[in-house]
C-alpha atoms as a PDB file:
ATOM      1  CA  MET A   1      13.174 -19.087  -3.081  1.00  0.00           C
ATOM      2  CA  SER A   2      16.266 -17.216  -1.936  1.00  0.00           C
ATOM      3  CA  ILE A   3      15.409 -13.793  -0.468  1.00  0.00           C
ATOM      4  CA  PRO A   4      18.002 -10.967  -0.618  1.00  0.00           C
ATOM      5  CA  ASP A   5      19.289  -9.431   2.617  1.00  0.00           C
ATOM      6  CA  ARG A   6      18.627  -5.765   1.821  1.00  0.00           C
ATOM      7  CA  LEU A   7      14.949  -5.228   1.142  1.00  0.00           C
ATOM      8  CA  LEU A   8      12.439  -2.462   0.545  1.00  0.00           C
ATOM      9  CA  ALA A   9       8.692  -2.940   0.913  1.00  0.00           C
ATOM     10  CA  VAL A  10       5.760  -1.025  -0.534  1.00  0.00           C
ATOM     11  CA  ASP A  11       1.998  -1.055  -0.006  1.00  0.00           C
ATOM     12  CA  ILE A  12      -0.378   1.479  -1.530  1.00  0.00           C
ATOM     13  CA  GLU A  13      -3.725   2.808  -0.321  1.00  0.00           C
ATOM     14  CA  THR A  14      -6.139   4.072  -2.947  1.00  0.00           C
ATOM     15  CA  ALA A  15      -9.557   5.650  -3.419  1.00  0.00           C
ATOM     16  CA  SER A  16     -12.007   5.661  -6.320  1.00  0.00           C
ATOM     17  CA  PRO A  17     -13.498   9.181  -6.275  1.00  0.00           C
ATOM     18  CA  HIS A  18     -14.463   9.317  -9.958  1.00  0.00           C
ATOM     19  CA  LYS A  19     -15.958   5.908 -10.738  1.00  0.00           C
ATOM     20  CA  GLU A  20     -16.506   2.740  -8.747  1.00  0.00           C
ATOM     21  CA  PRO A  21     -14.550  -0.314  -9.935  1.00  0.00           C
ATOM     22  CA  GLY A  22     -16.412  -3.496 -10.704  1.00  0.00           C
ATOM     23  CA  ARG A  23     -15.137  -6.996 -10.058  1.00  0.00           C
ATOM     24  CA  ASN A  24     -13.072  -7.009 -13.270  1.00  0.00           C
ATOM     25  CA  ASP A  25     -11.675  -3.466 -12.976  1.00  0.00           C
ATOM     26  CA  PHE A  26      -9.071  -3.802 -10.230  1.00  0.00           C
ATOM     27  CA  GLN A  27      -6.156  -3.783 -12.654  1.00  0.00           C
ATOM     28  CA  ASP A  28      -7.429  -0.711 -14.525  1.00  0.00           C
ATOM     29  CA  THR A  29      -5.647   2.344 -13.124  1.00  0.00           C
ATOM     30  CA  SER A  30      -8.328   4.717 -14.419  1.00  0.00           C
ATOM     31  CA  TYR A  31     -10.551   3.553 -11.535  1.00  0.00           C
ATOM     32  CA  PHE A  32      -8.038   4.412  -8.813  1.00  0.00           C
ATOM     33  CA  GLU A  33      -6.258   7.383  -7.296  1.00  0.00           C
ATOM     34  CA  LEU A  34      -3.294   7.249  -4.941  1.00  0.00           C
ATOM     35  CA  VAL A  35      -3.921   8.326  -1.337  1.00  0.00           C
ATOM     36  CA  ALA A  36      -0.943   7.008   0.651  1.00  0.00           C
ATOM     37  CA  VAL A  37       2.085   4.768   0.279  1.00  0.00           C
ATOM     38  CA  GLY A  38       3.492   2.611   3.047  1.00  0.00           C
ATOM     39  CA  LEU A  39       7.238   2.019   2.758  1.00  0.00           C
ATOM     40  CA  GLY A  40       9.723  -0.110   4.639  1.00  0.00           C
ATOM     41  CA  TYR A  41      13.391  -0.982   4.635  1.00  0.00           C
ATOM     42  CA  GLN A  42      15.501  -3.672   6.273  1.00  0.00           C
ATOM     43  CA  SER A  43      19.244  -3.971   5.667  1.00  0.00           C
ATOM     44  CA  GLY A  44      19.406  -7.624   6.726  1.00  0.00           C
ATOM     45  CA  PRO A  45      17.354 -10.476   8.221  1.00  0.00           C
ATOM     46  CA  ASP A  46      18.087  -9.462  11.810  1.00  0.00           C
ATOM     47  CA  ALA A  47      18.252  -5.704  11.308  1.00  0.00           C
ATOM     48  CA  GLU A  48      15.706  -3.192  12.539  1.00  0.00           C
ATOM     49  CA  ILE A  49      12.827  -2.504  10.171  1.00  0.00           C
ATOM     50  CA  GLU A  50      12.362   1.136   9.170  1.00  0.00           C
ATOM     51  CA  THR A  51       8.866   2.222   8.123  1.00  0.00           C
ATOM     52  CA  GLU A  52       7.330   5.358   6.665  1.00  0.00           C
ATOM     53  CA  VAL A  53       3.943   6.460   5.338  1.00  0.00           C
ATOM     54  CA  LEU A  54       3.796   9.151   2.656  1.00  0.00           C
ATOM     55  CA  PHE A  55       0.473  10.888   1.985  1.00  0.00           C
ATOM     56  CA  ARG A  56      -1.012  12.690  -0.965  1.00  0.00           C
ATOM     57  CA  ASP A  57      -0.644  16.425  -0.444  1.00  0.00           C
ATOM     58  CA  GLY A  58      -3.331  17.922  -2.634  1.00  0.00           C
ATOM     59  CA  GLY A  59      -6.441  17.159  -4.679  1.00  0.00           C
ATOM     60  CA  TRP A  60      -7.043  14.566  -7.371  1.00  0.00           C
ATOM     61  CA  ASP A  61      -4.886  16.318  -9.986  1.00  0.00           C
ATOM     62  CA  THR A  62      -1.991  14.595 -11.731  1.00  0.00           C
ATOM     63  CA  GLU A  63       0.466  17.031 -10.158  1.00  0.00           C
ATOM     64  CA  SER A  64      -0.399  15.773  -6.662  1.00  0.00           C
ATOM     65  CA  THR A  65      -0.029  12.175  -7.789  1.00  0.00           C
ATOM     66  CA  THR A  66       3.321  12.982  -9.357  1.00  0.00           C
ATOM     67  CA  ASP A  67       4.540  14.707  -6.195  1.00  0.00           C
ATOM     68  CA  LEU A  68       3.770  11.599  -4.135  1.00  0.00           C
ATOM     69  CA  LEU A  69       5.429   9.297  -6.678  1.00  0.00           C
ATOM     70  CA  GLN A  70       8.554  11.466  -6.598  1.00  0.00           C
ATOM     71  CA  ARG A  71       8.701  11.317  -2.799  1.00  0.00           C
ATOM     72  CA  VAL A  72       8.318   7.532  -2.923  1.00  0.00           C
ATOM     73  CA  SER A  73      11.116   7.244  -5.476  1.00  0.00           C
ATOM     74  CA  ARG A  74      13.371   9.540  -3.441  1.00  0.00           C
ATOM     75  CA  TRP A  75      12.785   7.604  -0.205  1.00  0.00           C
ATOM     76  CA  CYS A  76      13.610   4.309  -1.881  1.00  0.00           C
ATOM     77  CA  SER A  77      16.648   5.616  -3.756  1.00  0.00           C
ATOM     78  CA  GLU A  78      18.193   6.763  -0.474  1.00  0.00           C
ATOM     79  CA  ARG A  79      18.327   3.132   0.750  1.00  0.00           C
ATOM     80  CA  GLU A  80      20.512   0.424  -0.750  1.00  0.00           C
ATOM     81  CA  ALA A  81      18.319  -2.559  -1.565  1.00  0.00           C
ATOM     82  CA  GLU A  82      18.415  -5.756  -3.626  1.00  0.00           C
ATOM     83  CA  GLY A  83      14.674  -6.279  -3.907  1.00  0.00           C
ATOM     84  CA  ILE A  84      11.270  -4.811  -3.110  1.00  0.00           C
ATOM     85  CA  LEU A  85       8.498  -6.697  -1.306  1.00  0.00           C
ATOM     86  CA  THR A  86       4.759  -6.515  -1.900  1.00  0.00           C
ATOM     87  CA  HIS A  87       1.792  -8.728  -1.218  1.00  0.00           C
ATOM     88  CA  ASN A  88      -0.151  -9.099  -4.475  1.00  0.00           C
ATOM     89  CA  GLY A  89       1.854  -6.250  -5.965  1.00  0.00           C
ATOM     90  CA  GLU A  90       1.850  -7.980  -9.352  1.00  0.00           C
ATOM     91  CA  GLY A  91      -1.929  -7.735  -9.285  1.00  0.00           C
ATOM     92  CA  PHE A  92      -2.317  -4.241  -7.840  1.00  0.00           C
ATOM     93  CA  ASP A  93       0.501  -2.091  -6.390  1.00  0.00           C
ATOM     94  CA  GLU A  94       3.018  -2.451  -9.227  1.00  0.00           C
ATOM     95  CA  ILE A  95       0.337  -2.138 -11.912  1.00  0.00           C
ATOM     96  CA  HIS A  96      -1.043   1.135 -10.580  1.00  0.00           C
ATOM     97  CA  LEU A  97       2.218   2.772  -9.538  1.00  0.00           C
ATOM     98  CA  LYS A  98       3.447   2.178 -13.094  1.00  0.00           C
ATOM     99  CA  GLY A  99       0.112   3.379 -14.488  1.00  0.00           C
ATOM    100  CA  TRP A 100       0.290   6.667 -12.586  1.00  0.00           C
ATOM    101  CA  ALA A 101       3.942   7.039 -13.576  1.00  0.00           C
ATOM    102  CA  GLU A 102       3.019   6.600 -17.234  1.00  0.00           C
ATOM    103  CA  LYS A 103       0.406   9.338 -16.924  1.00  0.00           C
ATOM    104  CA  ALA A 104       2.911  11.636 -15.197  1.00  0.00           C
ATOM    105  CA  SER A 105       5.375  11.045 -18.050  1.00  0.00           C
ATOM    106  CA  GLU A 106       2.793  11.562 -20.790  1.00  0.00           C
ATOM    107  CA  GLN A 107       1.592  14.846 -19.287  1.00  0.00           C
ATOM    108  CA  GLY A 108       5.128  16.121 -18.780  1.00  0.00           C
ATOM    109  CA  ASN A 109       4.869  16.408 -14.998  1.00  0.00           C
ATOM    110  CA  TRP A 110       7.817  14.071 -14.509  1.00  0.00           C
ATOM    111  CA  PRO A 111       9.457  12.878 -17.748  1.00  0.00           C
ATOM    112  CA  ASP A 112      11.552  10.257 -15.908  1.00  0.00           C
ATOM    113  CA  ALA A 113       8.589   8.777 -14.030  1.00  0.00           C
ATOM    114  CA  ASN A 114       8.355   5.562 -16.074  1.00  0.00           C
ATOM    115  CA  GLU A 115      12.040   4.823 -15.651  1.00  0.00           C
ATOM    116  CA  ARG A 116      12.229   5.734 -11.966  1.00  0.00           C
ATOM    117  CA  ILE A 117       9.110   3.871 -10.820  1.00  0.00           C
ATOM    118  CA  GLY A 118       9.827   0.963 -13.153  1.00  0.00           C
ATOM    119  CA  SER A 119      13.298   0.551 -11.671  1.00  0.00           C
ATOM    120  CA  LEU A 120      11.806   0.038  -8.204  1.00  0.00           C
ATOM    121  CA  PHE A 121      10.258  -3.188  -9.451  1.00  0.00           C
ATOM    122  CA  SER A 122      13.250  -4.543 -11.357  1.00  0.00           C
ATOM    123  CA  ASN A 123      13.735  -6.985  -8.463  1.00  0.00           C
ATOM    124  CA  HIS A 124      10.136  -7.374  -7.321  1.00  0.00           C
ATOM    125  CA  ILE A 125       9.314 -10.116  -4.816  1.00  0.00           C
ATOM    126  CA  ASP A 126       5.561 -10.624  -4.638  1.00  0.00           C
ATOM    127  CA  LEU A 127       4.856 -12.704  -1.539  1.00  0.00           C
ATOM    128  CA  ASN A 128       1.324 -13.660  -2.584  1.00  0.00           C
ATOM    129  CA  PRO A 129       2.249 -16.440  -5.055  1.00  0.00           C
ATOM    130  CA  LEU A 130       4.769 -17.782  -2.532  1.00  0.00           C
ATOM    131  CA  ALA A 131       2.009 -17.897   0.078  1.00  0.00           C
ATOM    132  CA  VAL A 132      -0.415 -19.599  -2.318  1.00  0.00           C
ATOM    133  CA  GLU A 133       2.181 -22.238  -3.158  1.00  0.00           C
ATOM    134  CA  ARG A 134       3.051 -22.812   0.489  1.00  0.00           C
ATOM    135  CA  TYR A 135      -0.567 -23.138   1.620  1.00  0.00           C
ATOM    136  CA  GLN A 136      -2.228 -24.654  -1.432  1.00  0.00           C
ATOM    137  CA  ASP A 137      -3.596 -27.449   0.758  1.00  0.00           C
ATOM    138  CA  ARG A 138      -5.681 -24.841   2.643  1.00  0.00           C
ATOM    139  CA  LEU A 139      -7.013 -23.109  -0.463  1.00  0.00           C
ATOM    140  CA  GLU A 140      -9.499 -24.046  -3.155  1.00  0.00           C
ATOM    141  CA  SER A 141      -7.734 -25.188  -6.324  1.00  0.00           C
ATOM    142  CA  TRP A 142      -8.833 -22.085  -8.230  1.00  0.00           C
ATOM    143  CA  ARG A 143      -7.500 -19.618  -5.660  1.00  0.00           C
ATOM    144  CA  ASP A 144      -4.550 -17.480  -6.766  1.00  0.00           C
ATOM    145  CA  MET A 145      -4.801 -14.987  -3.905  1.00  0.00           C
ATOM    146  CA  VAL A 146      -4.504 -15.297  -0.133  1.00  0.00           C
ATOM    147  CA  LYS A 147      -5.140 -12.430   2.287  1.00  0.00           C
ATOM    148  CA  LEU A 148      -2.074 -11.027   4.024  1.00  0.00           C
ATOM    149  CA  GLU A 149      -3.807 -11.374   7.403  1.00  0.00           C
ATOM    150  CA  ASP A 150      -4.526 -15.056   6.760  1.00  0.00           C
ATOM    151  CA  VAL A 151      -1.025 -16.069   5.724  1.00  0.00           C
ATOM    152  CA  CYS A 152       0.455 -14.064   8.599  1.00  0.00           C
ATOM    153  CA  GLU A 153      -1.822 -15.921  11.023  1.00  0.00           C
ATOM    154  CA  TRP A 154      -0.711 -19.263   9.566  1.00  0.00           C
ATOM    155  CA  GLU A 155       2.924 -18.176   9.880  1.00  0.00           C
ATOM    156  CA  GLY A 156       2.492 -16.903  13.451  1.00  0.00           C
ATOM    157  CA  ILE A 157       3.136 -13.272  12.469  1.00  0.00           C
ATOM    158  CA  GLY A 158       1.122 -10.573  14.189  1.00  0.00           C
ATOM    159  CA  VAL A 159      -0.639  -7.900  12.131  1.00  0.00           C
ATOM    160  CA  PRO A 160      -1.899  -5.034  14.331  1.00  0.00           C
ATOM    161  CA  LYS A 161      -5.517  -4.060  13.783  1.00  0.00           C
ATOM    162  CA  THR A 162      -6.611  -0.431  13.531  1.00  0.00           C
ATOM    163  CA  SER A 163      -9.700   0.055  15.683  1.00  0.00           C
ATOM    164  CA  TYR A 164     -12.144   2.880  15.015  1.00  0.00           C
ATOM    165  CA  GLU A 165     -12.818   3.350  18.712  1.00  0.00           C
ATOM    166  CA  GLU A 166      -9.273   4.655  19.169  1.00  0.00           C
ATOM    167  CA  TYR A 167      -9.751   7.553  16.729  1.00  0.00           C
ATOM    168  CA  ASN A 168     -12.218  10.423  16.848  1.00  0.00           C
ATOM    169  CA  ILE A 169     -13.167  10.742  13.184  1.00  0.00           C
ATOM    170  CA  GLY A 170     -16.770  11.694  13.915  1.00  0.00           C
ATOM    171  CA  SER A 171     -19.445  11.054  11.318  1.00  0.00           C
ATOM    172  CA  LEU A 172     -17.046   9.265   8.959  1.00  0.00           C
ATOM    173  CA  THR A 173     -17.698   6.043  10.857  1.00  0.00           C
ATOM    174  CA  GLN A 174     -21.357   6.254   9.779  1.00  0.00           C
ATOM    175  CA  HIS A 175     -20.501   5.801   6.093  1.00  0.00           C
ATOM    176  CA  GLU A 176     -22.351   2.820   4.630  1.00  0.00           C
ATOM    177  CA  ALA A 177     -19.068   1.226   3.533  1.00  0.00           C
ATOM    178  CA  ILE A 178     -17.791   0.980   7.110  1.00  0.00           C
ATOM    179  CA  ASP A 179     -19.229  -2.287   8.345  1.00  0.00           C
ATOM    180  CA  ALA A 180     -16.718  -3.467  10.955  1.00  0.00           C
ATOM    181  CA  PRO A 181     -15.026  -2.177  14.140  1.00  0.00           C
ATOM    182  CA  HIS A 182     -11.599  -2.335  12.490  1.00  0.00           C
ATOM    183  CA  VAL A 183     -10.325  -0.540   9.389  1.00  0.00           C
ATOM    184  CA  THR A 184     -10.104  -2.505   6.135  1.00  0.00           C
ATOM    185  CA  ASN A 185      -8.756  -1.609   2.703  1.00  0.00           C
ATOM    186  CA  VAL A 186     -12.351  -1.507   1.455  1.00  0.00           C
ATOM    187  CA  HIS A 187     -13.153   1.206   4.007  1.00  0.00           C
ATOM    188  CA  ILE A 188     -10.237   3.278   2.756  1.00  0.00           C
ATOM    189  CA  GLY A 189     -11.088   2.694  -0.895  1.00  0.00           C
ATOM    190  CA  GLU A 190     -14.758   3.576  -0.529  1.00  0.00           C
ATOM    191  CA  ALA A 191     -14.808   6.197   2.230  1.00  0.00           C
ATOM    192  CA  LEU A 192     -11.734   7.172   4.239  1.00  0.00           C
ATOM    193  CA  GLY A 193      -9.303   7.852   1.402  1.00  0.00           C
ATOM    194  CA  GLU A 194     -11.656  10.234  -0.334  1.00  0.00           C
ATOM    195  CA  ALA A 195     -12.468  11.956   2.973  1.00  0.00           C
ATOM    196  CA  TYR A 196      -8.758  12.501   3.595  1.00  0.00           C
ATOM    197  CA  VAL A 197      -8.186  14.155   0.229  1.00  0.00           C
ATOM    198  CA  GLU A 198     -11.369  16.234   0.533  1.00  0.00           C
ATOM    199  CA  HIS A 199      -9.888  17.751   3.694  1.00  0.00           C
ATOM    200  CA  LYS A 200      -6.790  18.635   1.656  1.00  0.00           C
ATOM    201  CA  ILE A 201      -8.934  20.207  -1.063  1.00  0.00           C
ATOM    202  CA  ARG A 202     -10.988  22.246   1.437  1.00  0.00           C
ATOM    203  CA  ALA A 203      -7.886  23.232   3.456  1.00  0.00           C
ATOM    204  CA  THR A 204      -9.398  21.807   6.665  1.00  0.00           C
ATOM    205  CA  THR A 205      -6.277  19.944   7.732  1.00  0.00           C
ATOM    206  CA  GLU A 206      -6.154  21.752  11.088  1.00  0.00           C
ATOM    207  CA  THR A 207      -9.408  20.143  12.232  1.00  0.00           C
ATOM    208  CA  GLU A 208      -9.495  17.349  14.781  1.00  0.00           C
ATOM    209  CA  GLN A 209     -11.235  15.043  12.317  1.00  0.00           C
ATOM    210  CA  PHE A 210      -8.427  15.376   9.784  1.00  0.00           C
ATOM    211  CA  GLN A 211      -5.683  14.935  12.377  1.00  0.00           C
ATOM    212  CA  GLU A 212      -7.350  11.818  13.774  1.00  0.00           C
ATOM    213  CA  LEU A 213      -8.034  10.460  10.286  1.00  0.00           C
ATOM    214  CA  GLU A 214      -4.410  10.881   9.265  1.00  0.00           C
ATOM    215  CA  GLN A 215      -3.264   9.034  12.397  1.00  0.00           C
ATOM    216  CA  LEU A 216      -5.725   6.230  11.656  1.00  0.00           C
ATOM    217  CA  LEU A 217      -4.555   5.912   8.056  1.00  0.00           C
ATOM    218  CA  ARG A 218      -0.918   6.032   9.115  1.00  0.00           C
ATOM    219  CA  HIS A 219      -1.379   3.251  11.654  1.00  0.00           C
ATOM    220  CA  TYR A 220      -3.334   1.057   9.231  1.00  0.00           C
ATOM    221  CA  THR A 221      -0.869   1.507   6.371  1.00  0.00           C
ATOM    222  CA  GLU A 222       2.198   1.025   8.545  1.00  0.00           C
ATOM    223  CA  ALA A 223       0.732  -2.104  10.158  1.00  0.00           C
ATOM    224  CA  ASP A 224       0.945  -3.995   6.846  1.00  0.00           C
ATOM    225  CA  ILE A 225       4.599  -3.141   6.188  1.00  0.00           C
ATOM    226  CA  GLU A 226       6.595  -4.876   8.914  1.00  0.00           C
ATOM    227  CA  PRO A 227       4.818  -8.245   8.409  1.00  0.00           C
ATOM    228  CA  LEU A 228       6.046  -8.309   4.797  1.00  0.00           C
ATOM    229  CA  PHE A 229       9.631  -8.570   6.013  1.00  0.00           C
ATOM    230  CA  HIS A 230       8.803 -11.323   8.499  1.00  0.00           C
ATOM    231  CA  LEU A 231       6.992 -13.280   5.790  1.00  0.00           C
ATOM    232  CA  ALA A 232       9.885 -12.860   3.387  1.00  0.00           C
ATOM    233  CA  ARG A 233      12.368 -14.181   5.941  1.00  0.00           C
ATOM    234  CA  ASN A 234      10.090 -17.131   6.704  1.00  0.00           C
ATOM    235  CA  PHE A 235       9.820 -17.921   2.977  1.00  0.00           C
ATOM    236  CA  ASP A 236      13.589 -17.695   2.423  1.00  0.00           C
ATOM    237  CA  GLU A 237      14.651 -21.216   1.452  1.00  0.00           C
ATOM    238  CA  SER A 238      18.323 -20.321   1.872  1.00  0.00           C
ATOM    239  CA  ARG A 239      18.036 -19.755   5.622  1.00  0.00           C
END
């Protein structure tokens, strides 16, 4: 596959504060709320990679979701790109960003939401199917998904880990969902994302726990962005 020079990248972090998704619910937006969006931009294969993390600034209301979607759209529109990268975006990120945009449009919070968010994915490059095709000899025949960390390891691309011991988030580390010394997307989905937004709701963002939690989430989200560009360049058959 030929990969364009000018690329955006997106990776979302979500929580499920209202109902817990089952195995077959991960493409149903009603189970998920948007917590943060990792963004990246590279103007060419050898250019510096710019990254940003945008956070939800409010409670679980549609207005707060819409505000974050608008900031994502604005950030992307300010950068000239020919495609947008995700890893498994066709199975998660794109589905839910469009789902939240549809809700924002229907409720009148942002009438242009469908068009603006939809346009981001008009040239969507999902790296997951490319990785599955490239490494099908390492995967069971039924597998249609490969973890970003795994394919990056196979490609010799480093993905920084986010270690809990580097952040003072207090009792949050005792949540039953947190079962490893490093942050995972499951931890965010089941514990950390909701804790972040609860601080916003309670207006306790000046506390040390919130400040440390935001740094942790920023590092974790940002760590998955730069590898997307390296993977895309490695997968570029035109190079």
